[in-house]
Amino acid sequence: MALKEKAAYLKGLADGLDFDKTTAEGKLIAAMLELLGEMTEAIEEIDENIDYLADYVEEVDKDLGELEEFCYEDDCDCCDCDHCDCDCDDCDCLACLDEEFEFDEEEEEEENE
């Protein structure tokens, strides 16, 4: 049974008891039943908002995933320099080429010694 149905059932039970709403106990029960109804409506509204927000977050997550895929699909990591993010044999990054050239020169100097 849903929350709203349970609140209506309790209100029906109380109405079936035919309690006197002019006594202190009757006023208390009537006020509690009214409060129960208001709380039930508030909780249902909160549940609807949560469902809406969950759907919204799911859509945003999907859009973010598509955006990440679009932005990062061509990135690669063939070199460790801070100047580029390439992952190919034909690295056109001048910093990478300079590093390779310096490395080759150092190797040649060590071999010649």
PDB file of N, CA and C in Angstrom:
ATOM      1  N   MET A   1       0.840  -1.171   0.000  1.00  0.00           N
ATOM      2  CA  MET A   1       0.000   0.000   0.000  1.00  0.00           C
ATOM      3  C   MET A   1       0.898   1.252   0.000  1.00  0.00           C
ATOM      4  N   ALA A   2       0.528   2.246  -0.816  1.00  0.00           N
ATOM      5  CA  ALA A   2       1.285   3.482  -0.901  1.00  0.00           C
ATOM      6  C   ALA A   2       1.048   4.339   0.346  1.00  0.00           C
ATOM      7  N   LEU A   3       1.919   5.266   0.557  1.00  0.00           N
ATOM      8  CA  LEU A   3       1.855   6.123   1.737  1.00  0.00           C
ATOM      9  C   LEU A   3       0.524   6.887   1.801  1.00  0.00           C
ATOM     10  N   LYS A   4       0.092   7.402   0.675  1.00  0.00           N
ATOM     11  CA  LYS A   4      -1.165   8.158   0.641  1.00  0.00           C
ATOM     12  C   LYS A   4      -2.349   7.254   0.983  1.00  0.00           C
ATOM     13  N   GLU A   5      -2.311   6.038   0.483  1.00  0.00           N
ATOM     14  CA  GLU A   5      -3.385   5.075   0.773  1.00  0.00           C
ATOM     15  C   GLU A   5      -3.404   4.700   2.251  1.00  0.00           C
ATOM     16  N   LYS A   6      -2.240   4.559   2.860  1.00  0.00           N
ATOM     17  CA  LYS A   6      -2.179   4.235   4.287  1.00  0.00           C
ATOM     18  C   LYS A   6      -2.731   5.375   5.135  1.00  0.00           C
ATOM     19  N   ALA A   7      -2.415   6.608   4.769  1.00  0.00           N
ATOM     20  CA  ALA A   7      -2.932   7.766   5.503  1.00  0.00           C
ATOM     21  C   ALA A   7      -4.451   7.832   5.374  1.00  0.00           C
ATOM     22  N   ALA A   8      -4.964   7.576   4.186  1.00  0.00           N
ATOM     23  CA  ALA A   8      -6.421   7.582   3.979  1.00  0.00           C
ATOM     24  C   ALA A   8      -7.079   6.455   4.772  1.00  0.00           C
ATOM     25  N   TYR A   9      -6.430   5.303   4.828  1.00  0.00           N
ATOM     26  CA  TYR A   9      -6.959   4.164   5.594  1.00  0.00           C
ATOM     27  C   TYR A   9      -7.060   4.517   7.077  1.00  0.00           C
ATOM     28  N   LEU A  10      -6.007   5.126   7.636  1.00  0.00           N
ATOM     29  CA  LEU A  10      -6.035   5.530   9.046  1.00  0.00           C
ATOM     30  C   LEU A  10      -7.106   6.584   9.305  1.00  0.00           C
ATOM     31  N   LYS A  11      -7.273   7.511   8.375  1.00  0.00           N
ATOM     32  CA  LYS A  11      -8.324   8.525   8.527  1.00  0.00           C
ATOM     33  C   LYS A  11      -9.692   7.867   8.505  1.00  0.00           C
ATOM     34  N   GLY A  12      -9.840   6.897   7.639  1.00  0.00           N
ATOM     35  CA  GLY A  12     -11.104   6.162   7.576  1.00  0.00           C
ATOM     36  C   GLY A  12     -11.376   5.385   8.861  1.00  0.00           C
ATOM     37  N   LEU A  13     -10.333   4.762   9.405  1.00  0.00           N
ATOM     38  CA  LEU A  13     -10.500   4.055  10.674  1.00  0.00           C
ATOM     39  C   LEU A  13     -10.935   5.016  11.788  1.00  0.00           C
ATOM     40  N   ALA A  14     -10.306   6.169  11.841  1.00  0.00           N
ATOM     41  CA  ALA A  14     -10.638   7.152  12.876  1.00  0.00           C
ATOM     42  C   ALA A  14     -12.057   7.666  12.687  1.00  0.00           C
ATOM     43  N   ASP A  15     -12.451   7.910  11.439  1.00  0.00           N
ATOM     44  CA  ASP A  15     -13.820   8.358  11.178  1.00  0.00           C
ATOM     45  C   ASP A  15     -14.823   7.271  11.549  1.00  0.00           C
ATOM     46  N   GLY A  16     -14.438   6.008  11.334  1.00  0.00           N
ATOM     47  CA  GLY A  16     -15.315   4.882  11.683  1.00  0.00           C
ATOM     48  C   GLY A  16     -15.514   4.742  13.181  1.00  0.00           C
ATOM     49  N   LEU A  17     -14.562   5.213  13.952  1.00  0.00           N
ATOM     50  CA  LEU A  17     -14.687   5.163  15.406  1.00  0.00           C
ATOM     51  C   LEU A  17     -15.700   6.186  15.919  1.00  0.00           C
ATOM     52  N   ASP A  18     -15.994   7.152  15.069  1.00  0.00           N
ATOM     53  CA  ASP A  18     -16.950   8.195  15.422  1.00  0.00           C
ATOM     54  C   ASP A  18     -16.572   8.851  16.744  1.00  0.00           C
ATOM     55  N   PHE A  19     -15.322   9.294  16.824  1.00  0.00           N
ATOM     56  CA  PHE A  19     -14.838   9.924  18.054  1.00  0.00           C
ATOM     57  C   PHE A  19     -15.331  11.371  18.124  1.00  0.00           C
ATOM     58  N   ASP A  20     -15.417  11.861  19.313  1.00  0.00           N
ATOM     59  CA  ASP A  20     -15.907  13.224  19.557  1.00  0.00           C
ATOM     60  C   ASP A  20     -14.756  14.199  19.341  1.00  0.00           C
ATOM     61  N   LYS A  21     -14.891  15.064  18.331  1.00  0.00           N
ATOM     62  CA  LYS A  21     -13.826  16.003  17.977  1.00  0.00           C
ATOM     63  C   LYS A  21     -13.824  17.239  18.867  1.00  0.00           C
ATOM     64  N   THR A  22     -14.724  17.285  19.838  1.00  0.00           N
ATOM     65  CA  THR A  22     -14.753  18.433  20.752  1.00  0.00           C
ATOM     66  C   THR A  22     -13.965  18.168  22.023  1.00  0.00           C
ATOM     67  N   THR A  23     -13.662  16.912  22.298  1.00  0.00           N
ATOM     68  CA  THR A  23     -12.885  16.586  23.501  1.00  0.00           C
ATOM     69  C   THR A  23     -11.404  16.815  23.219  1.00  0.00           C
ATOM     70  N   ALA A  24     -10.608  16.835  24.258  1.00  0.00           N
ATOM     71  CA  ALA A  24      -9.163  17.043  24.116  1.00  0.00           C
ATOM     72  C   ALA A  24      -8.544  15.926  23.299  1.00  0.00           C
ATOM     73  N   GLU A  25      -8.941  14.674  23.573  1.00  0.00           N
ATOM     74  CA  GLU A  25      -8.383  13.531  22.823  1.00  0.00           C
ATOM     75  C   GLU A  25      -8.838  13.566  21.365  1.00  0.00           C
ATOM     76  N   GLY A  26     -10.090  13.933  21.139  1.00  0.00           N
ATOM     77  CA  GLY A  26     -10.632  14.015  19.777  1.00  0.00           C
ATOM     78  C   GLY A  26      -9.925  15.081  18.965  1.00  0.00           C
ATOM     79  N   LYS A  27      -9.670  16.234  19.599  1.00  0.00           N
ATOM     80  CA  LYS A  27      -8.950  17.315  18.913  1.00  0.00           C
ATOM     81  C   LYS A  27      -7.528  16.870  18.555  1.00  0.00           C
ATOM     82  N   LEU A  28      -6.915  16.140  19.494  1.00  0.00           N
ATOM     83  CA  LEU A  28      -5.555  15.643  19.246  1.00  0.00           C
ATOM     84  C   LEU A  28      -5.541  14.675  18.071  1.00  0.00           C
ATOM     85  N   ILE A  29      -6.475  13.738  18.054  1.00  0.00           N
ATOM     86  CA  ILE A  29      -6.529  12.750  16.961  1.00  0.00           C
ATOM     87  C   ILE A  29      -6.815  13.450  15.634  1.00  0.00           C
ATOM     88  N   ALA A  30      -7.736  14.398  15.614  1.00  0.00           N
ATOM     89  CA  ALA A  30      -8.068  15.119  14.380  1.00  0.00           C
ATOM     90  C   ALA A  30      -6.856  15.900  13.869  1.00  0.00           C
ATOM     91  N   ALA A  31      -6.138  16.559  14.781  1.00  0.00           N
ATOM     92  CA  ALA A  31      -4.946  17.320  14.384  1.00  0.00           C
ATOM     93  C   ALA A  31      -3.855  16.388  13.857  1.00  0.00           C
ATOM     94  N   MET A  32      -3.694  15.239  14.496  1.00  0.00           N
ATOM     95  CA  MET A  32      -2.685  14.279  14.039  1.00  0.00           C
ATOM     96  C   MET A  32      -3.029  13.733  12.661  1.00  0.00           C
ATOM     97  N   LEU A  33      -4.301  13.464  12.411  1.00  0.00           N
ATOM     98  CA  LEU A  33      -4.722  12.965  11.098  1.00  0.00           C
ATOM     99  C   LEU A  33      -4.521  14.027  10.018  1.00  0.00           C
ATOM    100  N   GLU A  34      -4.788  15.286  10.368  1.00  0.00           N
ATOM    101  CA  GLU A  34      -4.567  16.377   9.413  1.00  0.00           C
ATOM    102  C   GLU A  34      -3.073  16.511   9.106  1.00  0.00           C
ATOM    103  N   LEU A  35      -2.269  16.457  10.162  1.00  0.00           N
ATOM    104  CA  LEU A  35      -0.818  16.512   9.982  1.00  0.00           C
ATOM    105  C   LEU A  35      -0.324  15.340   9.145  1.00  0.00           C
ATOM    106  N   LEU A  36      -0.851  14.164   9.385  1.00  0.00           N
ATOM    107  CA  LEU A  36      -0.468  12.980   8.624  1.00  0.00           C
ATOM    108  C   LEU A  36      -0.769  13.169   7.138  1.00  0.00           C
ATOM    109  N   GLY A  37      -1.914  13.740   6.830  1.00  0.00           N
ATOM    110  CA  GLY A  37      -2.266  14.004   5.430  1.00  0.00           C
ATOM    111  C   GLY A  37      -1.316  14.996   4.778  1.00  0.00           C
ATOM    112  N   GLU A  38      -0.995  16.076   5.502  1.00  0.00           N
ATOM    113  CA  GLU A  38      -0.069  17.083   4.963  1.00  0.00           C
ATOM    114  C   GLU A  38       1.328  16.512   4.768  1.00  0.00           C
ATOM    115  N   MET A  39       1.769  15.707   5.714  1.00  0.00           N
ATOM    116  CA  MET A  39       3.094  15.098   5.589  1.00  0.00           C
ATOM    117  C   MET A  39       3.142  14.131   4.410  1.00  0.00           C
ATOM    118  N   THR A  40       2.071  13.404   4.215  1.00  0.00           N
ATOM    119  CA  THR A  40       2.004  12.465   3.095  1.00  0.00           C
ATOM    120  C   THR A  40       2.128  13.207   1.767  1.00  0.00           C
ATOM    121  N   GLU A  41       1.415  14.325   1.631  1.00  0.00           N
ATOM    122  CA  GLU A  41       1.493  15.112   0.395  1.00  0.00           C
ATOM    123  C   GLU A  41       2.901  15.676   0.202  1.00  0.00           C
ATOM    124  N   ALA A  42       3.503  16.169   1.281  1.00  0.00           N
ATOM    125  CA  ALA A  42       4.856  16.725   1.181  1.00  0.00           C
ATOM    126  C   ALA A  42       5.860  15.650   0.773  1.00  0.00           C
ATOM    127  N   ILE A  43       5.740  14.476   1.354  1.00  0.00           N
ATOM    128  CA  ILE A  43       6.663  13.382   1.025  1.00  0.00           C
ATOM    129  C   ILE A  43       6.489  12.951  -0.426  1.00  0.00           C
ATOM    130  N   GLU A  44       5.260  12.888  -0.903  1.00  0.00           N
ATOM    131  CA  GLU A  44       5.028  12.518  -2.304  1.00  0.00           C
ATOM    132  C   GLU A  44       5.627  13.554  -3.242  1.00  0.00           C
ATOM    133  N   GLU A  45       5.524  14.843  -2.877  1.00  0.00           N
ATOM    134  CA  GLU A  45       6.122  15.894  -3.696  1.00  0.00           C
ATOM    135  C   GLU A  45       7.646  15.765  -3.708  1.00  0.00           C
ATOM    136  N   ILE A  46       8.216  15.481  -2.575  1.00  0.00           N
ATOM    137  CA  ILE A  46       9.673  15.282  -2.493  1.00  0.00           C
ATOM    138  C   ILE A  46      10.094  14.084  -3.345  1.00  0.00           C
ATOM    139  N   ASP A  47       9.336  12.998  -3.287  1.00  0.00           N
ATOM    140  CA  ASP A  47       9.645  11.815  -4.097  1.00  0.00           C
ATOM    141  C   ASP A  47       9.604  12.143  -5.588  1.00  0.00           C
ATOM    142  N   GLU A  48       8.609  12.942  -5.999  1.00  0.00           N
ATOM    143  CA  GLU A  48       8.515  13.339  -7.407  1.00  0.00           C
ATOM    144  C   GLU A  48       9.736  14.174  -7.805  1.00  0.00           C
ATOM    145  N   ASN A  49      10.132  15.098  -6.917  1.00  0.00           N
ATOM    146  CA  ASN A  49      11.302  15.927  -7.207  1.00  0.00           C
ATOM    147  C   ASN A  49      12.574  15.088  -7.293  1.00  0.00           C
ATOM    148  N   ILE A  50      12.699  14.112  -6.422  1.00  0.00           N
ATOM    149  CA  ILE A  50      13.875  13.233  -6.449  1.00  0.00           C
ATOM    150  C   ILE A  50      13.911  12.441  -7.748  1.00  0.00           C
ATOM    151  N   ASP A  51      12.760  11.928  -8.177  1.00  0.00           N
ATOM    152  CA  ASP A  51      12.709  11.190  -9.438  1.00  0.00           C
ATOM    153  C   ASP A  51      13.114  12.084 -10.607  1.00  0.00           C
ATOM    154  N   TYR A  52      12.588  13.326 -10.605  1.00  0.00           N
ATOM    155  CA  TYR A  52      12.930  14.266 -11.664  1.00  0.00           C
ATOM    156  C   TYR A  52      14.434  14.548 -11.667  1.00  0.00           C
ATOM    157  N   LEU A  53      14.990  14.818 -10.479  1.00  0.00           N
ATOM    158  CA  LEU A  53      16.420  15.125 -10.385  1.00  0.00           C
ATOM    159  C   LEU A  53      17.288  13.929 -10.768  1.00  0.00           C
ATOM    160  N   ALA A  54      16.858  12.735 -10.415  1.00  0.00           N
ATOM    161  CA  ALA A  54      17.622  11.535 -10.789  1.00  0.00           C
ATOM    162  C   ALA A  54      17.659  11.400 -12.314  1.00  0.00           C
ATOM    163  N   ASP A  55      16.520  11.631 -12.972  1.00  0.00           N
ATOM    164  CA  ASP A  55      16.493  11.584 -14.434  1.00  0.00           C
ATOM    165  C   ASP A  55      17.380  12.671 -15.036  1.00  0.00           C
ATOM    166  N   TYR A  56      17.321  13.855 -14.439  1.00  0.00           N
ATOM    167  CA  TYR A  56      18.117  14.972 -14.924  1.00  0.00           C
ATOM    168  C   TYR A  56      19.611  14.684 -14.794  1.00  0.00           C
ATOM    169  N   VAL A  57      20.023  14.160 -13.649  1.00  0.00           N
ATOM    170  CA  VAL A  57      21.438  13.829 -13.428  1.00  0.00           C
ATOM    171  C   VAL A  57      21.884  12.749 -14.411  1.00  0.00           C
ATOM    172  N   GLU A  58      21.023  11.795 -14.675  1.00  0.00           N
ATOM    173  CA  GLU A  58      21.357  10.737 -15.632  1.00  0.00           C
ATOM    174  C   GLU A  58      21.578  11.326 -17.025  1.00  0.00           C
ATOM    175  N   GLU A  59      20.730  12.282 -17.429  1.00  0.00           N
ATOM    176  CA  GLU A  59      20.896  12.932 -18.727  1.00  0.00           C
ATOM    177  C   GLU A  59      22.192  13.737 -18.772  1.00  0.00           C
ATOM    178  N   VAL A  60      22.480  14.474 -17.700  1.00  0.00           N
ATOM    179  CA  VAL A  60      23.712  15.272 -17.641  1.00  0.00           C
ATOM    180  C   VAL A  60      24.928  14.353 -17.702  1.00  0.00           C
ATOM    181  N   ASP A  61      24.874  13.233 -16.990  1.00  0.00           N
ATOM    182  CA  ASP A  61      25.976  12.278 -17.009  1.00  0.00           C
ATOM    183  C   ASP A  61      26.193  11.720 -18.415  1.00  0.00           C
ATOM    184  N   LYS A  62      25.109  11.421 -19.095  1.00  0.00           N
ATOM    185  CA  LYS A  62      25.204  10.913 -20.467  1.00  0.00           C
ATOM    186  C   LYS A  62      25.814  11.974 -21.377  1.00  0.00           C
ATOM    187  N   ASP A  63      25.334  13.229 -21.259  1.00  0.00           N
ATOM    188  CA  ASP A  63      25.879  14.316 -22.069  1.00  0.00           C
ATOM    189  C   ASP A  63      27.359  14.546 -21.772  1.00  0.00           C
ATOM    190  N   LEU A  64      27.723  14.480 -20.494  1.00  0.00           N
ATOM    191  CA  LEU A  64      29.125  14.653 -20.112  1.00  0.00           C
ATOM    192  C   LEU A  64      29.983  13.536 -20.694  1.00  0.00           C
ATOM    193  N   GLY A  65      29.476  12.319 -20.680  1.00  0.00           N
ATOM    194  CA  GLY A  65      30.211  11.200 -21.271  1.00  0.00           C
ATOM    195  C   GLY A  65      30.448  11.404 -22.755  1.00  0.00           C
ATOM    196  N   GLU A  66      29.425  11.887 -23.455  1.00  0.00           N
ATOM    197  CA  GLU A  66      29.570  12.159 -24.885  1.00  0.00           C
ATOM    198  C   GLU A  66      30.579  13.279 -25.129  1.00  0.00           C
ATOM    199  N   LEU A  67      30.534  14.301 -24.271  1.00  0.00           N
ATOM    200  CA  LEU A  67      31.469  15.413 -24.399  1.00  0.00           C
ATOM    201  C   LEU A  67      32.902  14.957 -24.132  1.00  0.00           C
ATOM    202  N   GLU A  68      33.099  14.139 -23.103  1.00  0.00           N
ATOM    203  CA  GLU A  68      34.431  13.613 -22.814  1.00  0.00           C
ATOM    204  C   GLU A  68      34.941  12.772 -23.969  1.00  0.00           C
ATOM    205  N   GLU A  69      34.080  11.965 -24.521  1.00  0.00           N
ATOM    206  CA  GLU A  69      34.475  11.124 -25.651  1.00  0.00           C
ATOM    207  C   GLU A  69      34.877  11.986 -26.838  1.00  0.00           C
ATOM    208  N   PHE A  70      34.119  13.049 -27.088  1.00  0.00           N
ATOM    209  CA  PHE A  70      34.423  13.950 -28.194  1.00  0.00           C
ATOM    210  C   PHE A  70      35.748  14.673 -27.970  1.00  0.00           C
ATOM    211  N   CYS A  71      35.964  15.147 -26.752  1.00  0.00           N
ATOM    212  CA  CYS A  71      37.162  15.952 -26.463  1.00  0.00           C
ATOM    213  C   CYS A  71      38.428  15.116 -26.351  1.00  0.00           C
ATOM    214  N   TYR A  72      38.326  13.916 -25.841  1.00  0.00           N
ATOM    215  CA  TYR A  72      39.518  13.137 -25.532  1.00  0.00           C
ATOM    216  C   TYR A  72      39.755  11.961 -26.460  1.00  0.00           C
ATOM    217  N   GLU A  73      38.936  11.782 -27.485  1.00  0.00           N
ATOM    218  CA  GLU A  73      39.086  10.596 -28.317  1.00  0.00           C
ATOM    219  C   GLU A  73      40.361  10.593 -29.140  1.00  0.00           C
ATOM    220  N   ASP A  74      40.897  11.777 -29.470  1.00  0.00           N
ATOM    221  CA  ASP A  74      42.096  11.832 -30.310  1.00  0.00           C
ATOM    222  C   ASP A  74      43.378  11.964 -29.501  1.00  0.00           C
ATOM    223  N   ASP A  75      43.274  12.081 -28.201  1.00  0.00           N
ATOM    224  CA  ASP A  75      44.473  12.230 -27.380  1.00  0.00           C
ATOM    225  C   ASP A  75      45.207  10.902 -27.258  1.00  0.00           C
ATOM    226  N   CYS A  76      46.499  10.996 -27.216  1.00  0.00           N
ATOM    227  CA  CYS A  76      47.305   9.812 -27.024  1.00  0.00           C
ATOM    228  C   CYS A  76      48.546  10.176 -26.218  1.00  0.00           C
ATOM    229  N   ASP A  77      49.297   9.176 -25.829  1.00  0.00           N
ATOM    230  CA  ASP A  77      50.399   9.397 -24.890  1.00  0.00           C
ATOM    231  C   ASP A  77      51.711   8.777 -25.367  1.00  0.00           C
ATOM    232  N   CYS A  78      52.159   9.106 -26.562  1.00  0.00           N
ATOM    233  CA  CYS A  78      53.393   8.490 -27.050  1.00  0.00           C
ATOM    234  C   CYS A  78      54.624   9.154 -26.470  1.00  0.00           C
ATOM    235  N   CYS A  79      54.475  10.367 -25.974  1.00  0.00           N
ATOM    236  CA  CYS A  79      55.631  11.026 -25.385  1.00  0.00           C
ATOM    237  C   CYS A  79      55.246  11.570 -24.013  1.00  0.00           C
ATOM    238  N   ASP A  80      56.249  11.825 -23.218  1.00  0.00           N
ATOM    239  CA  ASP A  80      56.017  12.300 -21.864  1.00  0.00           C
ATOM    240  C   ASP A  80      56.273  13.789 -21.715  1.00  0.00           C
ATOM    241  N   CYS A  81      56.369  14.495 -22.808  1.00  0.00           N
ATOM    242  CA  CYS A  81      56.646  15.921 -22.688  1.00  0.00           C
ATOM    243  C   CYS A  81      55.387  16.668 -22.282  1.00  0.00           C
ATOM    244  N   ASP A  82      55.567  17.889 -21.829  1.00  0.00           N
ATOM    245  CA  ASP A  82      54.436  18.692 -21.392  1.00  0.00           C
ATOM    246  C   ASP A  82      53.821  19.500 -22.522  1.00  0.00           C
ATOM    247  N   HIS A  83      54.327  19.320 -23.727  1.00  0.00           N
ATOM    248  CA  HIS A  83      53.895  20.159 -24.836  1.00  0.00           C
ATOM    249  C   HIS A  83      52.827  19.515 -25.703  1.00  0.00           C
ATOM    250  N   CYS A  84      52.718  18.225 -25.685  1.00  0.00           N
ATOM    251  CA  CYS A  84      51.734  17.588 -26.562  1.00  0.00           C
ATOM    252  C   CYS A  84      51.237  16.281 -25.946  1.00  0.00           C
ATOM    253  N   ASP A  85      50.177  15.766 -26.534  1.00  0.00           N
ATOM    254  CA  ASP A  85      49.627  14.468 -26.140  1.00  0.00           C
ATOM    255  C   ASP A  85      49.421  13.651 -27.414  1.00  0.00           C
ATOM    256  N   CYS A  86      50.485  13.147 -27.959  1.00  0.00           N
ATOM    257  CA  CYS A  86      50.369  12.404 -29.202  1.00  0.00           C
ATOM    258  C   CYS A  86      50.694  10.934 -28.963  1.00  0.00           C
ATOM    259  N   ASP A  87      50.168  10.080 -29.798  1.00  0.00           N
ATOM    260  CA  ASP A  87      50.396   8.640 -29.662  1.00  0.00           C
ATOM    261  C   ASP A  87      50.576   8.045 -31.046  1.00  0.00           C
ATOM    262  N   CYS A  88      51.616   8.494 -31.702  1.00  0.00           N
ATOM    263  CA  CYS A  88      51.849   7.979 -33.050  1.00  0.00           C
ATOM    264  C   CYS A  88      53.351   7.921 -33.311  1.00  0.00           C
ATOM    265  N   ASP A  89      53.730   7.235 -34.336  1.00  0.00           N
ATOM    266  CA  ASP A  89      55.142   7.130 -34.685  1.00  0.00           C
ATOM    267  C   ASP A  89      55.646   8.413 -35.333  1.00  0.00           C
ATOM    268  N   ASP A  90      54.733   9.181 -35.887  1.00  0.00           N
ATOM    269  CA  ASP A  90      55.102  10.416 -36.583  1.00  0.00           C
ATOM    270  C   ASP A  90      54.827  11.617 -35.690  1.00  0.00           C
ATOM    271  N   CYS A  91      55.494  11.672 -34.563  1.00  0.00           N
ATOM    272  CA  CYS A  91      55.293  12.754 -33.604  1.00  0.00           C
ATOM    273  C   CYS A  91      55.906  14.028 -34.169  1.00  0.00           C
ATOM    274  N   ASP A  92      55.079  15.047 -34.359  1.00  0.00           N
ATOM    275  CA  ASP A  92      55.560  16.302 -34.928  1.00  0.00           C
ATOM    276  C   ASP A  92      55.889  17.338 -33.863  1.00  0.00           C
ATOM    277  N   CYS A  93      55.908  16.947 -32.648  1.00  0.00           N
ATOM    278  CA  CYS A  93      56.187  17.879 -31.557  1.00  0.00           C
ATOM    279  C   CYS A  93      57.678  18.194 -31.565  1.00  0.00           C
ATOM    280  N   LEU A  94      57.996  19.465 -31.699  1.00  0.00           N
ATOM    281  CA  LEU A  94      59.404  19.860 -31.767  1.00  0.00           C
ATOM    282  C   LEU A  94      60.133  19.544 -30.466  1.00  0.00           C
ATOM    283  N   ALA A  95      59.463  19.701 -29.354  1.00  0.00           N
ATOM    284  CA  ALA A  95      60.102  19.384 -28.074  1.00  0.00           C
ATOM    285  C   ALA A  95      60.462  17.909 -28.024  1.00  0.00           C
ATOM    286  N   CYS A  96      59.596  17.060 -28.546  1.00  0.00           N
ATOM    287  CA  CYS A  96      59.883  15.622 -28.563  1.00  0.00           C
ATOM    288  C   CYS A  96      61.060  15.325 -29.492  1.00  0.00           C
ATOM    289  N   LEU A  97      61.053  15.977 -30.638  1.00  0.00           N
ATOM    290  CA  LEU A  97      62.142  15.749 -31.583  1.00  0.00           C
ATOM    291  C   LEU A  97      63.459  16.228 -30.995  1.00  0.00           C
ATOM    292  N   ASP A  98      63.441  17.375 -30.309  1.00  0.00           N
ATOM    293  CA  ASP A  98      64.664  17.880 -29.666  1.00  0.00           C
ATOM    294  C   ASP A  98      65.149  16.918 -28.596  1.00  0.00           C
ATOM    295  N   GLU A  99      64.235  16.394 -27.783  1.00  0.00           N
ATOM    296  CA  GLU A  99      64.625  15.446 -26.740  1.00  0.00           C
ATOM    297  C   GLU A  99      65.260  14.207 -27.349  1.00  0.00           C
ATOM    298  N   GLU A 100      64.663  13.695 -28.444  1.00  0.00           N
ATOM    299  CA  GLU A 100      65.217  12.519 -29.103  1.00  0.00           C
ATOM    300  C   GLU A 100      66.601  12.844 -29.675  1.00  0.00           C
ATOM    301  N   PHE A 101      66.711  14.015 -30.250  1.00  0.00           N
ATOM    302  CA  PHE A 101      67.986  14.410 -30.850  1.00  0.00           C
ATOM    303  C   PHE A 101      69.059  14.528 -29.770  1.00  0.00           C
ATOM    304  N   GLU A 102      68.733  15.174 -28.642  1.00  0.00           N
ATOM    305  CA  GLU A 102      69.694  15.294 -27.548  1.00  0.00           C
ATOM    306  C   GLU A 102      70.078  13.924 -27.020  1.00  0.00           C
ATOM    307  N   PHE A 103      69.120  13.030 -26.910  1.00  0.00           N
ATOM    308  CA  PHE A 103      69.389  11.686 -26.424  1.00  0.00           C
ATOM    309  C   PHE A 103      70.324  10.961 -27.384  1.00  0.00           C
ATOM    310  N   ASP A 104      70.045  11.098 -28.672  1.00  0.00           N
ATOM    311  CA  ASP A 104      70.892  10.455 -29.669  1.00  0.00           C
ATOM    312  C   ASP A 104      72.313  11.010 -29.621  1.00  0.00           C
ATOM    313  N   GLU A 105      72.459  12.312 -29.434  1.00  0.00           N
ATOM    314  CA  GLU A 105      73.788  12.916 -29.350  1.00  0.00           C
ATOM    315  C   GLU A 105      74.544  12.394 -28.128  1.00  0.00           C
ATOM    316  N   GLU A 106      73.867  12.294 -26.999  1.00  0.00           N
ATOM    317  CA  GLU A 106      74.508  11.781 -25.790  1.00  0.00           C
ATOM    318  C   GLU A 106      74.952  10.333 -25.988  1.00  0.00           C
ATOM    319  N   GLU A 107      74.126   9.540 -26.658  1.00  0.00           N
ATOM    320  CA  GLU A 107      74.464   8.142 -26.922  1.00  0.00           C
ATOM    321  C   GLU A 107      75.706   8.056 -27.803  1.00  0.00           C
ATOM    322  N   GLU A 108      75.744   8.898 -28.832  1.00  0.00           N
ATOM    323  CA  GLU A 108      76.872   8.882 -29.744  1.00  0.00           C
ATOM    324  C   GLU A 108      78.157   9.307 -29.020  1.00  0.00           C
ATOM    325  N   GLU A 109      78.054  10.316 -28.151  1.00  0.00           N
ATOM    326  CA  GLU A 109      79.237  10.775 -27.398  1.00  0.00           C
ATOM    327  C   GLU A 109      79.743   9.656 -26.490  1.00  0.00           C
ATOM    328  N   GLU A 110      78.842   8.925 -25.855  1.00  0.00           N
ATOM    329  CA  GLU A 110      79.259   7.840 -24.983  1.00  0.00           C
ATOM    330  C   GLU A 110      79.900   6.713 -25.778  1.00  0.00           C
ATOM    331  N   GLU A 111      79.387   6.460 -26.983  1.00  0.00           N
ATOM    332  CA  GLU A 111      79.948   5.404 -27.817  1.00  0.00           C
ATOM    333  C   GLU A 111      81.336   5.807 -28.328  1.00  0.00           C
ATOM    334  N   ASN A 112      81.530   7.056 -28.614  1.00  0.00           N
ATOM    335  CA  ASN A 112      82.810   7.532 -29.142  1.00  0.00           C
ATOM    336  C   ASN A 112      83.889   7.559 -28.066  1.00  0.00           C
ATOM    337  N   GLU A 113      83.545   7.625 -26.820  1.00  0.00           N
ATOM    338  CA  GLU A 113      84.543   7.702 -25.766  1.00  0.00           C
ATOM    339  C   GLU A 113      85.111   6.382 -25.493  1.00  0.00           C
TER     340      GLU A 113
END
